[in-house]
N, C-alpha and C. Protein backbone atom coordinates (compact mmCIF):
# COMPACT_ATOMS: atom_id res chain seq x y z
N MET A 1 -11.42 8.60 -3.24
CA MET A 1 -10.45 8.50 -2.17
C MET A 1 -10.65 9.69 -1.23
N ALA A 2 -10.64 9.43 0.03
CA ALA A 2 -10.83 10.48 1.03
C ALA A 2 -9.64 11.42 1.05
N THR A 3 -9.86 12.60 1.55
CA THR A 3 -8.81 13.61 1.62
C THR A 3 -7.59 13.11 2.39
N VAL A 4 -7.81 12.43 3.50
CA VAL A 4 -6.70 11.91 4.29
C VAL A 4 -5.88 10.93 3.46
N ASP A 5 -6.55 10.08 2.71
CA ASP A 5 -5.84 9.12 1.87
C ASP A 5 -5.02 9.81 0.78
N LYS A 6 -5.57 10.87 0.20
CA LYS A 6 -4.85 11.62 -0.82
C LYS A 6 -3.59 12.26 -0.23
N ILE A 7 -3.74 12.86 0.93
CA ILE A 7 -2.59 13.50 1.58
C ILE A 7 -1.53 12.46 1.91
N ARG A 8 -1.96 11.32 2.48
CA ARG A 8 -1.02 10.26 2.85
C ARG A 8 -0.26 9.77 1.62
N THR A 9 -0.98 9.52 0.53
CA THR A 9 -0.36 9.04 -0.69
C THR A 9 0.64 10.05 -1.24
N ALA A 10 0.26 11.31 -1.23
CA ALA A 10 1.15 12.36 -1.72
C ALA A 10 2.41 12.45 -0.86
N LEU A 11 2.25 12.34 0.46
CA LEU A 11 3.41 12.37 1.34
C LEU A 11 4.34 11.19 1.10
N ILE A 12 3.76 10.03 0.94
CA ILE A 12 4.57 8.83 0.68
C ILE A 12 5.36 9.01 -0.60
N ASP A 13 4.72 9.52 -1.65
CA ASP A 13 5.41 9.75 -2.92
C ASP A 13 6.59 10.72 -2.73
N LYS A 14 6.35 11.77 -1.96
CA LYS A 14 7.41 12.76 -1.73
C LYS A 14 8.55 12.16 -0.91
N ILE A 15 8.21 11.40 0.12
CA ILE A 15 9.23 10.79 0.98
C ILE A 15 10.09 9.82 0.18
N LEU A 16 9.46 9.07 -0.71
CA LEU A 16 10.21 8.10 -1.53
C LEU A 16 11.23 8.78 -2.44
N SER A 17 11.00 10.05 -2.76
CA SER A 17 11.93 10.75 -3.65
C SER A 17 13.08 11.44 -2.90
N ILE A 18 13.04 11.44 -1.58
CA ILE A 18 14.07 12.12 -0.78
C ILE A 18 15.27 11.21 -0.60
N ASN A 19 16.46 11.74 -0.89
CA ASN A 19 17.70 10.98 -0.74
C ASN A 19 18.59 11.53 0.37
N ASN A 20 18.19 12.62 0.98
CA ASN A 20 18.98 13.26 2.02
C ASN A 20 18.75 12.54 3.35
N LYS A 21 19.80 11.85 3.82
CA LYS A 21 19.69 11.05 5.04
C LYS A 21 19.34 11.90 6.25
N ASP A 22 19.97 13.06 6.39
CA ASP A 22 19.72 13.92 7.54
C ASP A 22 18.26 14.40 7.55
N PHE A 23 17.77 14.75 6.39
CA PHE A 23 16.38 15.20 6.29
C PHE A 23 15.43 14.08 6.69
N LEU A 24 15.69 12.86 6.19
CA LEU A 24 14.84 11.72 6.51
C LEU A 24 14.89 11.39 8.00
N GLU A 25 16.07 11.49 8.60
CA GLU A 25 16.19 11.24 10.04
C GLU A 25 15.39 12.27 10.84
N ALA A 26 15.48 13.54 10.42
CA ALA A 26 14.73 14.59 11.10
C ALA A 26 13.22 14.37 10.94
N LEU A 27 12.82 13.97 9.76
CA LEU A 27 11.41 13.68 9.51
C LEU A 27 10.94 12.50 10.35
N ASP A 28 11.79 11.50 10.46
CA ASP A 28 11.46 10.34 11.28
C ASP A 28 11.28 10.73 12.75
N LYS A 29 12.17 11.59 13.25
CA LYS A 29 12.05 12.05 14.64
C LYS A 29 10.75 12.84 14.83
N LEU A 30 10.43 13.68 13.86
CA LEU A 30 9.21 14.48 13.95
C LEU A 30 7.98 13.57 13.99
N ILE A 31 7.95 12.60 13.10
CA ILE A 31 6.81 11.69 13.05
C ILE A 31 6.75 10.82 14.29
N SER A 32 7.90 10.34 14.74
CA SER A 32 7.94 9.46 15.91
C SER A 32 7.53 10.19 17.19
N SER A 33 7.79 11.48 17.25
CA SER A 33 7.46 12.23 18.46
C SER A 33 6.00 12.65 18.50
N SER A 34 5.33 12.56 17.38
CA SER A 34 3.92 12.94 17.32
C SER A 34 3.07 11.83 17.91
N LYS A 35 1.98 12.22 18.51
CA LYS A 35 1.04 11.23 19.05
C LYS A 35 -0.02 10.97 18.00
N PHE A 36 -0.21 9.71 17.72
CA PHE A 36 -1.19 9.32 16.73
C PHE A 36 -2.44 8.80 17.42
N GLU A 37 -3.55 9.16 16.86
CA GLU A 37 -4.81 8.59 17.32
C GLU A 37 -5.05 7.33 16.51
N LEU A 38 -5.39 6.26 17.21
CA LEU A 38 -5.72 5.04 16.49
C LEU A 38 -7.06 5.22 15.81
N GLU A 39 -7.04 5.01 14.52
CA GLU A 39 -8.25 5.19 13.74
C GLU A 39 -8.78 3.82 13.34
N ILE A 40 -10.00 3.56 13.67
CA ILE A 40 -10.62 2.30 13.29
C ILE A 40 -11.23 2.49 11.91
N VAL A 41 -10.81 1.65 11.00
CA VAL A 41 -11.29 1.74 9.63
C VAL A 41 -12.45 0.77 9.46
N GLU A 42 -13.56 1.29 9.04
CA GLU A 42 -14.72 0.47 8.77
C GLU A 42 -14.68 0.02 7.31
N LEU A 43 -14.71 -1.28 7.10
CA LEU A 43 -14.68 -1.81 5.74
C LEU A 43 -16.09 -1.90 5.19
N THR A 44 -16.18 -1.69 3.88
CA THR A 44 -17.47 -1.86 3.21
C THR A 44 -17.73 -3.36 3.05
N ASP A 45 -18.96 -3.71 2.74
CA ASP A 45 -19.29 -5.11 2.50
C ASP A 45 -18.47 -5.67 1.34
N GLU A 46 -18.23 -4.86 0.33
CA GLU A 46 -17.45 -5.29 -0.83
C GLU A 46 -16.00 -5.56 -0.43
N GLN A 47 -15.44 -4.71 0.42
CA GLN A 47 -14.06 -4.92 0.87
C GLN A 47 -13.95 -6.19 1.71
N LYS A 48 -14.94 -6.42 2.56
CA LYS A 48 -14.95 -7.64 3.36
C LYS A 48 -15.04 -8.87 2.47
N LEU A 49 -15.88 -8.81 1.44
CA LEU A 49 -16.02 -9.92 0.51
C LEU A 49 -14.70 -10.19 -0.22
N MET A 50 -14.02 -9.13 -0.65
CA MET A 50 -12.73 -9.29 -1.34
C MET A 50 -11.70 -9.94 -0.42
N LEU A 51 -11.69 -9.55 0.84
CA LEU A 51 -10.76 -10.15 1.80
C LEU A 51 -11.08 -11.62 2.01
N GLU A 52 -12.36 -11.95 2.10
CA GLU A 52 -12.77 -13.34 2.25
C GLU A 52 -12.36 -14.16 1.03
N MET A 53 -12.53 -13.58 -0.15
CA MET A 53 -12.13 -14.27 -1.38
C MET A 53 -10.62 -14.48 -1.41
N SER A 54 -9.86 -13.50 -0.96
CA SER A 54 -8.41 -13.62 -0.90
C SER A 54 -7.98 -14.72 0.06
N GLU A 55 -8.62 -14.76 1.22
CA GLU A 55 -8.32 -15.81 2.20
C GLU A 55 -8.62 -17.19 1.61
N ASN A 56 -9.72 -17.29 0.88
CA ASN A 56 -10.08 -18.56 0.26
C ASN A 56 -9.05 -18.96 -0.80
N ASP A 57 -8.59 -17.99 -1.58
CA ASP A 57 -7.55 -18.28 -2.57
C ASP A 57 -6.28 -18.80 -1.90
N ILE A 58 -5.91 -18.21 -0.80
CA ILE A 58 -4.72 -18.65 -0.07
C ILE A 58 -4.90 -20.08 0.43
N LYS A 59 -6.08 -20.36 1.01
CA LYS A 59 -6.35 -21.69 1.55
C LYS A 59 -6.36 -22.76 0.46
N THR A 60 -6.83 -22.42 -0.73
CA THR A 60 -6.93 -23.39 -1.81
C THR A 60 -5.71 -23.39 -2.72
N GLY A 61 -4.71 -22.57 -2.40
CA GLY A 61 -3.46 -22.57 -3.17
C GLY A 61 -3.53 -21.84 -4.49
N LYS A 62 -4.52 -21.00 -4.67
CA LYS A 62 -4.64 -20.22 -5.90
C LYS A 62 -3.77 -18.98 -5.79
N LEU A 63 -2.46 -19.20 -5.89
CA LEU A 63 -1.49 -18.12 -5.72
C LEU A 63 -0.60 -18.03 -6.94
N ILE A 64 0.03 -16.88 -7.10
CA ILE A 64 1.00 -16.68 -8.17
C ILE A 64 2.18 -15.93 -7.56
N SER A 65 3.38 -16.29 -7.97
CA SER A 65 4.56 -15.63 -7.42
C SER A 65 4.66 -14.21 -7.94
N GLN A 66 5.40 -13.38 -7.23
CA GLN A 66 5.59 -12.00 -7.67
C GLN A 66 6.30 -11.97 -9.02
N GLU A 67 7.26 -12.87 -9.20
CA GLU A 67 8.00 -12.94 -10.47
C GLU A 67 7.05 -13.28 -11.62
N ALA A 68 6.18 -14.26 -11.42
CA ALA A 68 5.22 -14.63 -12.45
C ALA A 68 4.24 -13.48 -12.72
N MET A 69 3.83 -12.79 -11.67
CA MET A 69 2.93 -11.66 -11.84
C MET A 69 3.61 -10.53 -12.61
N ASN A 70 4.87 -10.27 -12.30
CA ASN A 70 5.61 -9.24 -13.03
C ASN A 70 5.68 -9.58 -14.52
N LYS A 71 5.96 -10.86 -14.82
CA LYS A 71 6.05 -11.31 -16.21
C LYS A 71 4.70 -11.13 -16.90
N ARG A 72 3.63 -11.52 -16.22
CA ARG A 72 2.28 -11.39 -16.77
C ARG A 72 1.95 -9.93 -17.04
N ASN A 73 2.32 -9.05 -16.11
CA ASN A 73 2.05 -7.62 -16.28
C ASN A 73 2.82 -7.04 -17.46
N LEU A 74 4.10 -7.46 -17.60
CA LEU A 74 4.89 -6.96 -18.73
C LEU A 74 4.30 -7.43 -20.05
N GLU A 75 3.87 -8.68 -20.11
CA GLU A 75 3.25 -9.18 -21.34
C GLU A 75 1.99 -8.39 -21.65
N TRP A 76 1.19 -8.11 -20.63
CA TRP A 76 -0.02 -7.34 -20.83
C TRP A 76 0.29 -5.93 -21.30
N LEU A 77 1.28 -5.29 -20.67
CA LEU A 77 1.64 -3.92 -21.06
C LEU A 77 2.18 -3.87 -22.49
N ASN A 78 2.94 -4.87 -22.89
CA ASN A 78 3.49 -4.89 -24.25
C ASN A 78 2.42 -5.16 -25.30
N ALA A 79 1.30 -5.75 -24.89
CA ALA A 79 0.22 -6.06 -25.81
C ALA A 79 -0.67 -4.85 -26.07
N ILE A 80 -0.52 -3.83 -25.25
CA ILE A 80 -1.38 -2.64 -25.40
C ILE A 80 -0.95 -1.81 -26.59
């Protein structure tokens, strides 16, 4: 994972733990006032293939609900 991705993930984790409304509002103002450069993300061939496979699954109806996935994950975790 690139350094930028690590920093972003760490910030998201920290923000999710904040319960202070005033602090979050101030942080939102700070972020909103900053100018962001649009970054074009280049996907690898493997990432493109995975996206194509996902699109194909959607088109062919090979989907599972979040509830069913949660149940499957719990069963898997309990089997460990």
